Amino acid sequence: MAAVSAAGGLGILPCTWWSPDTIRAHVAAVRAATPHPFGANLVLAFDIATQLDAVLAAGVRLVTFSWGQPGAARIARCHAAGAAVAVQIGAARAADEALRDGADVLIAQGFEAGGHVQSTTPLRRLLDAVLARAPGAPVVATGGLATRSDVEAALAAGASAAMLGTRFVASAESTAHPDYKQALVTARAEDSVYTICFDGDWPFAAHRALRNATLDDWEAAGCPPPGRRPREADVVARAAGGDLVRYSSDAPHRGHVGWITEACLYAGTGVDRIEDVASAGEIVARLDPTTPETGRSVY
C-alpha cells in the first residue's frame, strides 16, 4: 500500500479487521516509507468503533467507509480530527444521504468490482446516475478497471478519479499468495464470478471471485446453504497466522501452504487485462494518463 502512495497514487489501508495496535503499527510503517498521502478503509457491516478511534488518533487524513452509511455524527467526528471522508455507494440514491451527512467524496462501486460488491449496477450506468444525482460532487469510479484506457474512460465519463483493487493484488508488493497472483494473470474475464459461495466469515455478502474447484463443486451440488456444502470442513490452506477453510471469505496470503487455488481468490471483471505481476510503482505509472507509456517488467 505504501508503494502505491509513494508512486503518486493514494493507497488505502484495510483497517476493519485490525486491532488498534496493528493499525498504529501499519500507519507508522507507511509514514516511514513515504511522505505522500494515504487513507484507511472501514467496513460498516462490522463493529468498527475501536478501529475508527485508532485511525483518527493516528492522524490518517482520509477515511473511506463501505457497506453502509457512516452517518452525520461519525463524519463530523472525522472532520473534527482533520480527516476527509469518502463513502462507497452501490446505488445513485445512496448519494443523497452521504452528501447530506457531510461526505466529501463519493465512491461509485460498479457490479464489475472484485471482492465484496455492494452494487448490482454496471459501473458506467451507476457512474452516470450518481453524477446526475449529485452534480459537482467528487465521484470516484471503481469496478472492473485494470488499464490506463479504463482509467481514461472513467475520467472521460465524468469521474474525478479511479480506484483499482484487483490490479494491485497482482503487484510485487502485494501480500497475496504467489499462486493467487499467477491465477489473476492467467484468468479470463469469464472466470470472474459474482456469487455468495465464499461467505464463511461474512454471511449473505455477495462477492466477485475467480471460478475454481470449490465454486464448481458447490454449484454442482445445487448451491446448498452452510452446513450442507461439499467438503465444508476442509482446510485448504494453512499458515501460522491462521488456516483457511474451504468457504472462508479470506483470500490466501504469502505464507499459506496447501490447495491455494481452491480458496477464495477475489477478482474483478478486468482480470483478463492483467498481463503480469509488476511493481506498484510501475502499475501506477502505466495507469496514469499524464505519464508516458512504460514497458512491462515481470517479477
Protein backbone atom coordinates (compact mmCIF):
# COMPACT_ATOMS: atom_id res chain seq x y z
CA MET A 1 0.00 0.00 0.00
CA ALA A 2 2.81 2.40 0.85
CA ALA A 3 4.33 1.74 -2.58
CA VAL A 4 1.14 2.94 -4.27
CA SER A 5 1.21 6.25 -2.38
CA ALA A 6 4.95 6.61 -2.91
CA ALA A 7 4.38 6.29 -6.66
CA GLY A 8 1.77 9.02 -6.74
CA GLY A 9 -1.40 7.03 -6.17
CA LEU A 10 -3.44 7.04 -2.99
CA GLY A 11 -3.03 3.81 -1.07
CA ILE A 12 -5.77 2.69 1.33
CA LEU A 13 -5.14 0.63 4.47
CA PRO A 14 -7.80 -2.07 5.11
CA CYS A 15 -8.31 -1.42 8.83
CA THR A 16 -11.65 -3.12 9.56
CA TRP A 17 -10.27 -6.37 10.98
CA TRP A 18 -7.10 -4.99 12.58
CA SER A 19 -6.61 -4.29 16.26
CA PRO A 20 -5.82 -0.70 17.30
CA ASP A 21 -2.19 -1.71 17.91
CA THR A 22 -1.95 -3.19 14.41
CA ILE A 23 -3.48 -0.05 12.90
CA ARG A 24 -0.98 2.14 14.71
CA ALA A 25 1.89 -0.05 13.53
CA HIS A 26 0.75 0.00 9.90
CA VAL A 27 0.18 3.75 9.87
CA ALA A 28 3.66 4.28 11.33
CA ALA A 29 5.19 1.94 8.75
CA VAL A 30 3.51 3.77 5.86
CA ARG A 31 4.66 7.14 7.16
CA ALA A 32 8.19 5.80 7.46
CA ALA A 33 8.06 4.57 3.87
CA THR A 34 6.57 7.62 2.17
CA PRO A 35 5.62 11.23 2.92
CA HIS A 36 2.73 11.04 0.48
CA PRO A 37 -0.97 10.86 1.49
CA PHE A 38 -2.81 7.63 2.20
CA GLY A 39 -6.16 6.61 3.64
CA ALA A 40 -7.90 3.96 5.70
CA ASN A 41 -11.00 1.91 4.87
CA LEU A 42 -13.61 0.75 7.37
CA VAL A 43 -16.44 -1.66 6.51
CA LEU A 44 -19.65 -0.67 8.27
CA ALA A 45 -21.09 -4.19 8.16
CA PHE A 46 -18.87 -4.81 11.21
CA ASP A 47 -18.30 -3.06 14.52
CA ILE A 48 -15.53 -0.59 13.69
CA ALA A 49 -15.73 1.68 16.74
CA THR A 50 -12.27 0.91 18.13
CA GLN A 51 -10.76 0.84 14.65
CA LEU A 52 -12.11 4.30 13.86
CA ASP A 53 -10.75 5.56 17.18
CA ALA A 54 -7.31 4.24 16.27
CA VAL A 55 -7.39 5.58 12.70
CA LEU A 56 -8.31 9.09 13.83
CA ALA A 57 -5.88 9.06 16.75
CA ALA A 58 -3.12 8.12 14.31
CA GLY A 59 -3.90 11.19 12.22
CA VAL A 60 -4.97 9.45 9.00
CA ARG A 61 -6.23 12.20 6.69
CA LEU A 62 -8.75 10.22 4.62
CA VAL A 63 -11.27 7.67 5.89
CA THR A 64 -13.32 5.66 3.41
CA PHE A 65 -16.46 3.86 4.55
CA SER A 66 -18.11 0.99 2.67
CA TRP A 67 -21.10 -1.29 3.15
CA GLY A 68 -23.28 1.26 4.88
CA GLN A 69 -23.79 4.93 5.60
CA PRO A 70 -21.45 6.29 8.28
CA GLY A 71 -23.96 8.92 9.45
CA ALA A 72 -23.58 12.61 10.17
CA ALA A 73 -22.12 12.21 13.66
CA ARG A 74 -19.37 9.86 12.52
CA ILE A 75 -18.50 12.04 9.54
CA ALA A 76 -18.41 15.14 11.75
CA ARG A 77 -16.06 13.33 14.09
CA CYS A 78 -13.72 12.52 11.21
CA HIS A 79 -13.79 16.14 10.08
CA ALA A 80 -13.03 17.34 13.60
CA ALA A 81 -9.97 15.08 13.60
CA GLY A 82 -8.79 16.58 10.32
CA ALA A 83 -9.82 13.65 8.09
CA ALA A 84 -11.79 13.87 4.86
CA VAL A 85 -14.49 11.23 4.31
CA ALA A 86 -15.33 9.16 1.24
CA VAL A 87 -18.40 6.93 1.19
CA GLN A 88 -18.69 3.97 -1.16
CA ILE A 89 -22.13 3.56 -2.71
CA GLY A 90 -23.72 0.99 -4.97
CA ALA A 91 -26.85 2.93 -5.90
CA ALA A 92 -27.29 6.53 -7.01
CA ARG A 93 -29.93 7.20 -4.36
CA ALA A 94 -27.34 6.48 -1.65
CA ALA A 95 -25.52 9.66 -2.70
CA ASP A 96 -28.28 11.79 -1.17
CA GLU A 97 -27.74 10.56 2.39
CA ALA A 98 -23.96 10.50 2.14
CA LEU A 99 -23.77 14.10 0.94
CA ARG A 100 -26.45 15.32 3.35
CA ASP A 101 -24.42 13.85 6.21
CA GLY A 102 -21.29 15.68 5.06
CA ALA A 103 -19.32 13.21 2.93
CA ASP A 104 -16.57 14.87 0.93
CA VAL A 105 -16.27 12.23 -1.80
CA LEU A 106 -18.49 9.50 -3.26
CA ILE A 107 -17.07 6.19 -4.47
CA ALA A 108 -19.30 4.59 -7.10
CA GLN A 109 -18.65 0.84 -7.00
CA GLY A 110 -19.97 -0.98 -10.04
CA PHE A 111 -21.10 -4.58 -10.30
CA GLU A 112 -17.83 -5.48 -12.04
CA ALA A 113 -15.74 -5.00 -8.88
CA GLY A 114 -13.78 -7.81 -7.30
CA GLY A 115 -14.16 -8.65 -3.62
CA HIS A 116 -17.37 -7.83 -1.79
CA VAL A 117 -19.73 -5.97 -4.10
CA GLN A 118 -22.38 -3.52 -2.90
CA SER A 119 -23.97 -2.97 -6.30
CA THR A 120 -25.86 -4.88 -8.97
CA THR A 121 -25.47 -1.99 -11.42
CA PRO A 122 -22.70 -1.87 -14.05
CA LEU A 123 -20.15 0.86 -13.33
CA ARG A 124 -20.84 3.11 -16.31
CA ARG A 125 -24.58 3.17 -15.66
CA LEU A 126 -24.02 3.73 -11.93
CA LEU A 127 -21.47 6.48 -12.55
CA ASP A 128 -23.79 8.32 -14.92
CA ALA A 129 -26.64 8.09 -12.41
CA VAL A 130 -24.53 9.28 -9.47
CA LEU A 131 -23.12 12.20 -11.44
CA ALA A 132 -26.62 13.23 -12.50
CA ARG A 133 -27.94 12.97 -8.96
CA ALA A 134 -25.00 14.72 -7.29
CA PRO A 135 -23.70 17.35 -9.73
CA GLY A 136 -20.49 18.94 -8.54
CA ALA A 137 -19.65 16.23 -6.03
CA PRO A 138 -16.28 14.46 -6.46
CA VAL A 139 -17.03 10.90 -7.59
CA VAL A 140 -14.50 8.07 -7.75
CA ALA A 141 -15.24 5.24 -10.20
CA THR A 142 -14.39 1.67 -9.25
CA GLY A 143 -15.24 -1.80 -10.51
CA GLY A 144 -13.60 -3.80 -13.28
CA LEU A 145 -10.88 -1.24 -14.03
CA ALA A 146 -7.40 -2.57 -14.84
CA THR A 147 -5.67 -0.46 -17.50
CA ARG A 148 -4.88 3.12 -18.48
CA SER A 149 -7.64 3.06 -21.05
CA ASP A 150 -10.10 2.00 -18.32
CA VAL A 151 -8.99 4.95 -16.18
CA GLU A 152 -9.20 7.34 -19.13
CA ALA A 153 -12.72 6.13 -19.93
CA ALA A 154 -13.84 6.67 -16.33
CA LEU A 155 -12.41 10.19 -16.29
CA ALA A 156 -13.93 10.98 -19.67
CA ALA A 157 -17.31 9.85 -18.31
CA GLY A 158 -17.06 12.44 -15.54
CA ALA A 159 -15.36 10.65 -12.65
CA SER A 160 -12.90 12.69 -10.60
CA ALA A 161 -10.65 9.67 -10.08
CA ALA A 162 -10.48 5.91 -10.50
CA MET A 163 -9.97 3.24 -7.84
CA LEU A 164 -8.45 -0.17 -8.63
CA GLY A 165 -8.13 -3.23 -6.44
CA THR A 166 -7.50 -6.43 -8.38
CA ARG A 167 -4.73 -4.86 -10.48
CA PHE A 168 -2.76 -4.13 -7.30
CA VAL A 169 -3.31 -7.60 -5.86
CA ALA A 170 -1.14 -8.68 -8.80
CA SER A 171 1.75 -6.46 -7.73
CA ALA A 172 5.19 -7.34 -6.43
CA GLU A 173 4.49 -5.67 -3.07
CA SER A 174 1.09 -7.32 -2.53
CA THR A 175 0.92 -9.82 0.33
CA ALA A 176 -1.32 -12.09 -1.77
CA HIS A 177 -0.03 -15.63 -2.27
CA PRO A 178 2.09 -16.03 -5.43
CA ASP A 179 -0.31 -18.68 -6.74
CA TYR A 180 -3.18 -16.20 -6.33
CA LYS A 181 -1.26 -13.57 -8.28
CA GLN A 182 -0.49 -16.04 -11.05
CA ALA A 183 -4.16 -17.06 -11.21
CA LEU A 184 -5.04 -13.40 -11.83
CA VAL A 185 -2.51 -13.16 -14.65
CA THR A 186 -3.85 -16.23 -16.44
CA ALA A 187 -7.58 -15.68 -15.79
CA ARG A 188 -10.12 -14.75 -18.43
CA ALA A 189 -12.96 -12.27 -17.92
CA GLU A 190 -15.49 -15.10 -17.66
CA ASP A 191 -13.54 -16.59 -14.75
CA SER A 192 -14.64 -13.62 -12.60
CA VAL A 193 -17.90 -14.74 -10.99
CA TYR A 194 -20.46 -12.93 -8.84
CA THR A 195 -21.54 -15.32 -6.09
CA ILE A 196 -22.22 -15.90 -2.38
CA CYS A 197 -20.13 -19.07 -2.32
CA PHE A 198 -17.29 -17.79 -0.13
CA ASP A 199 -19.34 -16.37 2.73
CA GLY A 200 -17.82 -18.30 5.62
CA ASP A 201 -16.91 -15.17 7.58
CA TRP A 202 -19.41 -12.70 6.12
CA PRO A 203 -22.83 -14.38 5.67
CA PHE A 204 -25.02 -13.28 2.76
CA ALA A 205 -22.47 -10.77 1.43
CA ALA A 206 -22.18 -11.19 -2.33
CA HIS A 207 -18.71 -11.04 -3.83
CA ARG A 208 -16.80 -11.50 -7.06
CA ALA A 209 -14.03 -14.09 -7.21
CA LEU A 210 -12.32 -16.43 -9.65
CA ARG A 211 -14.11 -19.62 -10.55
CA ASN A 212 -12.32 -22.62 -9.03
CA ALA A 213 -12.93 -26.19 -7.86
CA THR A 214 -14.67 -25.06 -4.67
CA LEU A 215 -17.18 -22.94 -6.56
CA ASP A 216 -17.72 -25.62 -9.22
CA ASP A 217 -18.42 -28.30 -6.60
CA TRP A 218 -20.79 -26.02 -4.67
CA GLU A 219 -22.76 -25.14 -7.80
CA ALA A 220 -22.83 -28.78 -8.91
CA ALA A 221 -24.36 -29.65 -5.52
CA GLY A 222 -27.12 -27.10 -6.07
CA CYS A 223 -25.62 -24.19 -4.11
CA PRO A 224 -26.56 -25.67 -0.71
CA PRO A 225 -26.55 -23.48 2.42
CA PRO A 226 -23.89 -23.58 5.17
CA GLY A 227 -23.86 -26.91 6.93
CA ARG A 228 -24.60 -28.82 3.72
CA ARG A 229 -21.84 -27.62 1.38
CA PRO A 230 -19.38 -30.08 -0.21
CA ARG A 231 -16.21 -30.65 1.84
CA GLU A 232 -17.18 -27.78 4.08
CA ALA A 233 -14.76 -28.57 6.90
CA ASP A 234 -11.72 -28.87 4.63
CA VAL A 235 -8.72 -26.72 5.45
CA VAL A 236 -7.47 -25.60 2.03
CA ALA A 237 -4.53 -23.52 3.24
CA ARG A 238 -2.52 -23.44 6.45
CA ALA A 239 -0.38 -20.66 7.93
CA ALA A 240 0.98 -19.60 11.28
CA GLY A 241 -1.41 -16.67 11.26
CA GLY A 242 -4.48 -18.84 10.70
CA ASP A 243 -5.88 -21.56 8.48
CA LEU A 244 -8.38 -21.07 5.66
CA VAL A 245 -11.35 -23.40 5.50
CA ARG A 246 -12.88 -24.07 2.11
CA TYR A 247 -15.66 -21.44 2.14
CA SER A 248 -13.79 -18.74 4.04
CA SER A 249 -14.13 -15.20 2.74
CA ASP A 250 -10.42 -14.61 3.41
CA ALA A 251 -8.03 -14.78 0.46
CA PRO A 252 -4.71 -16.65 0.72
CA HIS A 253 -1.57 -14.69 1.55
CA ARG A 254 2.16 -15.30 1.44
CA GLY A 255 2.98 -18.00 3.95
CA HIS A 256 -0.13 -20.09 3.32
CA VAL A 257 0.52 -23.63 2.13
CA GLY A 258 -1.97 -26.07 0.69
CA TRP A 259 -4.55 -26.00 -2.11
CA ILE A 260 -4.20 -22.27 -2.64
CA THR A 261 -6.24 -22.01 -5.83
CA GLU A 262 -9.23 -23.70 -4.14
CA ALA A 263 -9.50 -20.80 -1.68
CA CYS A 264 -11.35 -17.54 -2.30
CA LEU A 265 -9.49 -15.59 -4.99
CA TYR A 266 -11.17 -12.21 -5.35
CA ALA A 267 -11.07 -10.70 -8.85
CA GLY A 268 -12.98 -8.10 -10.81
CA THR A 269 -14.03 -8.43 -14.43
CA GLY A 270 -10.96 -6.50 -15.58
CA VAL A 271 -8.81 -9.50 -14.63
CA ASP A 272 -8.40 -10.52 -18.27
CA ARG A 273 -6.47 -7.29 -18.85
CA ILE A 274 -3.91 -8.07 -16.14
CA GLU A 275 -0.93 -9.48 -18.01
CA ASP A 276 1.82 -9.56 -15.40
CA VAL A 277 2.89 -9.07 -11.80
CA ALA A 278 4.69 -5.72 -11.70
CA SER A 279 5.84 -3.32 -9.02
CA ALA A 280 3.19 -1.00 -7.62
CA GLY A 281 5.19 1.97 -8.90
CA GLU A 282 5.21 0.63 -12.42
CA ILE A 283 1.49 -0.13 -12.27
CA VAL A 284 0.71 3.42 -11.12
CA ALA A 285 2.84 4.82 -13.97
CA ARG A 286 1.05 2.64 -16.51
CA LEU A 287 -2.36 3.77 -15.24
CA ASP A 288 -1.61 7.50 -15.02
CA PRO A 289 -2.83 9.23 -18.20
CA THR A 290 -0.34 12.05 -17.61
CA THR A 291 2.77 9.85 -17.77
CA PRO A 292 4.41 8.23 -20.83
CA GLU A 293 3.60 4.62 -21.54
CA THR A 294 6.09 2.23 -19.93
CA GLY A 295 7.28 -1.20 -20.86
CA ARG A 296 6.42 -4.24 -18.78
CA SER A 297 8.79 -5.96 -16.41
CA VAL A 298 7.57 -9.21 -14.94
CA TYR A 299 8.54 -10.24 -11.38
